[in-house]
């Protein structure tokens, strides 16, 4: 769900919402948005971000604006830059993100579980000078669900010693194996966000030419994508030239394309 966020107040409620994920129904996710995971806030560079967090959970939480340069008091780290937002409380985050780029937001309280249950959103700070035919955000996340749709442990010792704790369900924007339609023969900006708290992905593209143009929100001189190791919390912006055929995003650490 995309939300235009600049220069107007927004209310985001962190609460449990029962959703469908893959074949599982009634999954007790913790989300910032109704109906589907992962709100995507879009704001122009230079505009004011004005977000009030309402905590409707049974434990304290916060919002950390991952990768964004901003006032220390708005950074969302409990007991360090702010007190945690207790159940029933609110906290207003209000500042101007200074840099265009691909960012995301999440809690820094009980982080593995709160993110593992779905408390994640994208923050896209747009550069008015960007010229692309389309701008696509893809939030990559594993979910660790048992056969009954309940959550499994969010961390495992074996995962911690390897490439992270893999889930039982791999999603993009909360959907298993989505097909995302774009124009053919077009220049696309593809924004990849690894919103998994522990999982490492090995990213590649098949069926289209792709160049890396930004890493963790920082622009770089474009260079061709071969593969890229995307760790937890990392972002990768690609310039993608589509063709008349389908292109596929691959995670070479996963069993199937994503």
Protein backbone atom coordinates (compact mmCIF):
# COMPACT_ATOMS: atom_id res chain seq x y z
CA UNK A 1 0.00 0.00 0.00
CA UNK A 2 1.59 3.26 -1.16
CA UNK A 3 0.96 6.45 0.83
CA UNK A 4 1.92 10.00 -0.17
CA UNK A 5 3.54 11.25 3.01
CA UNK A 6 4.98 14.72 2.49
CA UNK A 7 3.91 17.81 4.45
CA UNK A 8 0.86 16.25 6.06
CA UNK A 9 0.29 14.35 9.32
CA UNK A 10 -0.04 10.57 9.16
CA UNK A 11 -1.13 8.13 11.86
CA UNK A 12 0.45 4.67 11.86
CA UNK A 13 -0.89 2.10 14.32
CA UNK A 14 1.22 -0.90 15.30
CA UNK A 15 -1.25 -3.65 16.13
CA UNK A 16 -1.97 -7.35 15.66
CA UNK A 17 -3.88 -8.06 12.48
CA UNK A 18 -4.80 -11.56 11.34
CA UNK A 19 -3.87 -12.00 7.68
CA UNK A 20 -3.40 -14.64 5.01
CA UNK A 21 0.16 -15.53 4.00
CA UNK A 22 0.51 -18.08 1.23
CA UNK A 23 -1.84 -20.95 2.12
CA UNK A 24 -1.98 -19.98 5.79
CA UNK A 25 -4.95 -17.96 7.05
CA UNK A 26 -5.46 -16.15 10.33
CA UNK A 27 -1.73 -15.52 10.78
CA UNK A 28 -1.34 -13.26 13.89
CA UNK A 29 0.91 -10.69 12.22
CA UNK A 30 1.91 -7.37 13.77
CA UNK A 31 1.56 -4.68 11.12
CA UNK A 32 1.61 -0.93 10.54
CA UNK A 33 -1.21 -1.08 7.97
CA UNK A 34 -4.63 -2.66 7.54
CA UNK A 35 -5.19 -5.68 5.34
CA UNK A 36 -1.69 -6.22 3.93
CA UNK A 37 1.87 -5.92 5.20
CA UNK A 38 4.36 -3.17 4.56
CA UNK A 39 3.07 0.35 3.94
CA UNK A 40 5.22 2.30 1.48
CA UNK A 41 5.56 6.00 2.32
CA UNK A 42 6.62 8.27 -0.55
CA UNK A 43 7.89 11.76 0.13
CA UNK A 44 9.64 14.36 -2.00
CA UNK A 45 13.10 15.43 -0.90
CA UNK A 46 12.75 18.59 1.17
CA UNK A 47 9.24 17.77 2.42
CA UNK A 48 8.35 17.28 6.08
CA UNK A 49 7.81 13.73 7.35
CA UNK A 50 5.14 13.88 10.06
CA UNK A 51 4.21 10.42 11.40
CA UNK A 52 2.52 9.63 14.70
CA UNK A 53 3.02 6.07 15.94
CA UNK A 54 0.14 4.65 17.95
CA UNK A 55 1.08 1.56 19.94
CA UNK A 56 -1.83 -0.89 20.01
CA UNK A 57 0.41 -3.84 20.94
CA UNK A 58 0.73 -5.45 24.37
CA UNK A 59 4.44 -4.51 24.59
CA UNK A 60 6.46 -1.36 24.01
CA UNK A 61 7.76 -0.43 20.57
CA UNK A 62 9.23 2.43 18.52
CA UNK A 63 10.02 3.39 14.91
CA UNK A 64 13.60 3.55 13.67
CA UNK A 65 14.06 5.23 10.26
CA UNK A 66 16.68 2.88 8.89
CA UNK A 67 19.50 4.65 7.03
CA UNK A 68 17.92 8.12 7.20
CA UNK A 69 20.02 11.07 8.38
CA UNK A 70 17.81 12.91 10.82
CA UNK A 71 17.62 14.44 14.30
CA UNK A 72 18.86 12.13 17.04
CA UNK A 73 15.58 12.51 18.95
CA UNK A 74 13.72 11.07 15.94
CA UNK A 75 15.93 7.97 15.51
CA UNK A 76 13.66 5.62 17.46
CA UNK A 77 16.20 3.73 19.57
CA UNK A 78 14.57 3.07 22.97
CA UNK A 79 16.36 4.27 26.10
CA UNK A 80 19.02 5.93 23.90
CA UNK A 81 17.29 8.52 21.68
CA UNK A 82 13.78 8.22 23.12
CA UNK A 83 11.81 6.33 25.73
CA UNK A 84 9.94 3.34 24.28
CA UNK A 85 6.34 3.91 23.27
CA UNK A 86 4.32 1.92 25.80
CA UNK A 87 1.03 0.15 25.03
CA UNK A 88 -1.69 2.74 24.49
CA UNK A 89 0.81 5.60 23.99
CA UNK A 90 1.70 7.64 20.91
CA UNK A 91 4.89 9.29 19.68
CA UNK A 92 5.26 11.90 16.93
CA UNK A 93 8.17 11.64 14.50
CA UNK A 94 8.58 14.92 12.66
CA UNK A 95 11.61 15.93 10.57
CA UNK A 96 12.78 16.59 6.99
CA UNK A 97 14.76 13.68 5.47
CA UNK A 98 17.70 15.44 3.81
CA UNK A 99 18.63 12.83 1.20
CA UNK A 100 16.76 11.16 -1.64
CA UNK A 101 16.97 7.38 -1.52
CA UNK A 102 15.48 4.03 -0.54
CA UNK A 103 14.97 3.58 3.20
CA UNK A 104 12.67 1.64 5.51
CA UNK A 105 11.32 1.77 9.03
CA UNK A 106 10.98 -0.82 11.79
CA UNK A 107 11.09 -1.15 15.59
CA UNK A 108 14.18 -1.35 17.74
CA UNK A 109 12.34 -3.12 20.56
CA UNK A 110 12.32 -6.93 20.71
CA UNK A 111 13.55 -6.45 17.16
CA UNK A 112 13.73 -10.01 15.82
CA UNK A 113 10.19 -10.83 16.93
CA UNK A 114 8.54 -7.51 16.08
CA UNK A 115 10.10 -7.45 12.60
CA UNK A 116 9.57 -11.19 12.25
CA UNK A 117 5.85 -10.66 12.84
CA UNK A 118 5.73 -7.98 10.16
CA UNK A 119 6.44 -4.53 11.65
CA UNK A 120 8.16 -3.12 8.59
CA UNK A 121 7.46 -0.31 6.12
CA UNK A 122 9.27 1.40 3.25
CA UNK A 123 10.25 5.07 3.13
CA UNK A 124 11.01 6.34 -0.36
CA UNK A 125 12.47 9.84 -0.54
CA UNK A 126 12.08 10.89 -4.17
CA UNK A 127 14.42 13.12 -6.14
CA UNK A 128 12.27 15.37 -8.38
CA UNK A 129 14.97 15.14 -11.07
CA UNK A 130 14.68 11.36 -11.42
CA UNK A 131 13.42 10.31 -14.85
CA UNK A 132 12.17 6.73 -15.03
CA UNK A 133 9.18 5.16 -16.75
CA UNK A 134 8.25 3.35 -13.54
CA UNK A 135 9.45 3.09 -9.93
CA UNK A 136 8.95 -0.31 -8.28
CA UNK A 137 9.55 -1.17 -4.61
CA UNK A 138 10.12 -4.80 -3.61
CA UNK A 139 10.32 -5.66 0.10
CA UNK A 140 11.86 -9.09 0.61
CA UNK A 141 10.96 -10.97 3.77
CA UNK A 142 10.85 -14.51 5.14
CA UNK A 143 8.11 -15.61 7.53
CA UNK A 144 8.63 -18.50 9.95
CA UNK A 145 5.27 -20.25 10.17
CA UNK A 146 4.29 -23.68 11.40
CA UNK A 147 1.65 -25.82 9.70
CA UNK A 148 -0.99 -24.33 12.01
CA UNK A 149 -0.15 -20.78 10.83
CA UNK A 150 1.48 -19.82 14.11
CA UNK A 151 4.95 -18.35 14.31
CA UNK A 152 8.00 -20.53 14.86
CA UNK A 153 11.04 -19.21 16.80
CA UNK A 154 12.34 -16.12 15.03
CA UNK A 155 16.01 -17.01 15.55
CA UNK A 156 17.85 -20.32 15.55
CA UNK A 157 21.44 -21.05 16.65
CA UNK A 158 22.19 -22.81 13.35
CA UNK A 159 20.86 -19.85 11.37
CA UNK A 160 22.91 -17.40 13.41
CA UNK A 161 26.09 -19.27 12.46
CA UNK A 162 25.30 -19.33 8.72
CA UNK A 163 23.35 -17.08 6.30
CA UNK A 164 20.61 -16.22 8.78
CA UNK A 165 17.46 -17.91 10.04
CA UNK A 166 15.53 -18.82 6.90
CA UNK A 167 11.75 -18.81 6.98
CA UNK A 168 9.22 -21.35 5.80
CA UNK A 169 7.62 -18.76 3.49
CA UNK A 170 9.39 -16.25 1.22
CA UNK A 171 7.44 -13.16 0.16
CA UNK A 172 7.82 -9.98 -1.86
CA UNK A 173 5.61 -7.16 -0.58
CA UNK A 174 3.82 -9.75 1.55
CA UNK A 175 2.93 -11.97 -1.43
CA UNK A 176 4.40 -15.35 -2.41
CA UNK A 177 5.87 -15.27 -5.93
CA UNK A 178 4.12 -12.12 -7.16
CA UNK A 179 3.99 -11.07 -10.78
CA UNK A 180 4.61 -7.33 -11.09
CA UNK A 181 3.58 -5.76 -14.38
CA UNK A 182 5.63 -2.94 -15.89
CA UNK A 183 5.97 -1.45 -19.36
CA UNK A 184 8.03 -3.27 -21.99
CA UNK A 185 11.09 -1.54 -23.47
CA UNK A 186 11.12 0.87 -20.52
CA UNK A 187 13.60 2.19 -17.99
CA UNK A 188 12.56 1.04 -14.51
CA UNK A 189 13.94 1.97 -11.12
CA UNK A 190 13.75 -1.15 -8.96
CA UNK A 191 14.18 -0.60 -5.22
CA UNK A 192 15.02 -3.77 -3.27
CA UNK A 193 14.73 -3.82 0.53
CA UNK A 194 15.84 -6.81 2.60
CA UNK A 195 13.45 -6.43 5.54
CA UNK A 196 14.35 -9.73 7.14
CA UNK A 197 16.05 -9.29 10.54
CA UNK A 198 18.61 -12.09 10.02
CA UNK A 199 18.41 -13.47 6.46
CA UNK A 200 21.05 -12.88 3.77
CA UNK A 201 19.99 -12.93 0.11
CA UNK A 202 22.14 -13.36 -3.01
CA UNK A 203 20.36 -11.23 -5.64
CA UNK A 204 20.40 -11.52 -9.42
CA UNK A 205 18.22 -10.60 -12.41
CA UNK A 206 17.44 -12.82 -15.40
CA UNK A 207 15.79 -11.58 -18.58
CA UNK A 208 16.74 -7.89 -18.40
CA UNK A 209 19.79 -5.67 -18.22
CA UNK A 210 20.29 -4.26 -14.74
CA UNK A 211 22.77 -1.81 -13.29
CA UNK A 212 23.34 -0.91 -9.63
CA UNK A 213 22.73 2.81 -9.08
CA UNK A 214 22.48 3.10 -5.28
CA UNK A 215 23.53 1.04 -2.27
CA UNK A 216 21.82 1.53 1.10
CA UNK A 217 20.32 4.81 -0.12
CA UNK A 218 23.66 6.18 -1.35
CA UNK A 219 24.03 6.90 -5.10
CA UNK A 220 26.95 5.29 -6.91
CA UNK A 221 28.27 5.51 -10.44
CA UNK A 222 26.15 2.84 -12.22
CA UNK A 223 27.79 -0.51 -12.83
CA UNK A 224 26.34 -3.80 -14.17
CA UNK A 225 24.68 -6.19 -11.74
CA UNK A 226 26.09 -9.68 -11.72
CA UNK A 227 25.01 -10.84 -8.27
CA UNK A 228 24.80 -8.90 -5.02
CA UNK A 229 24.81 -10.12 -1.43
CA UNK A 230 21.99 -8.29 0.35
CA UNK A 231 22.26 -8.55 4.12
CA UNK A 232 19.55 -7.77 6.70
CA UNK A 233 18.43 -4.16 6.45
CA UNK A 234 20.30 -3.50 3.22
CA UNK A 235 18.79 -1.78 0.18
CA UNK A 236 19.79 -1.94 -3.48
CA UNK A 237 18.52 0.37 -6.24
CA UNK A 238 18.69 -1.00 -9.77
CA UNK A 239 18.23 0.65 -13.15
CA UNK A 240 16.44 -1.98 -15.20
CA UNK A 241 15.83 -1.98 -18.94
CA UNK A 242 12.82 -4.19 -19.69
CA UNK A 243 12.21 -6.15 -22.89
CA UNK A 244 9.20 -7.83 -24.46
CA UNK A 245 9.90 -10.93 -22.34
CA UNK A 246 9.52 -11.54 -18.61
CA UNK A 247 12.38 -10.74 -16.24
CA UNK A 248 12.90 -12.60 -12.97
CA UNK A 249 14.36 -11.50 -9.66
CA UNK A 250 16.42 -14.34 -8.21
CA UNK A 251 17.68 -15.10 -4.74
CA UNK A 252 20.40 -17.67 -5.29
CA UNK A 253 20.24 -18.62 -1.61
CA UNK A 254 16.57 -19.60 -2.00
CA UNK A 255 15.06 -22.73 -3.52
CA UNK A 256 12.96 -20.84 -6.11
CA UNK A 257 12.92 -17.39 -7.77
CA UNK A 258 11.27 -14.63 -5.77
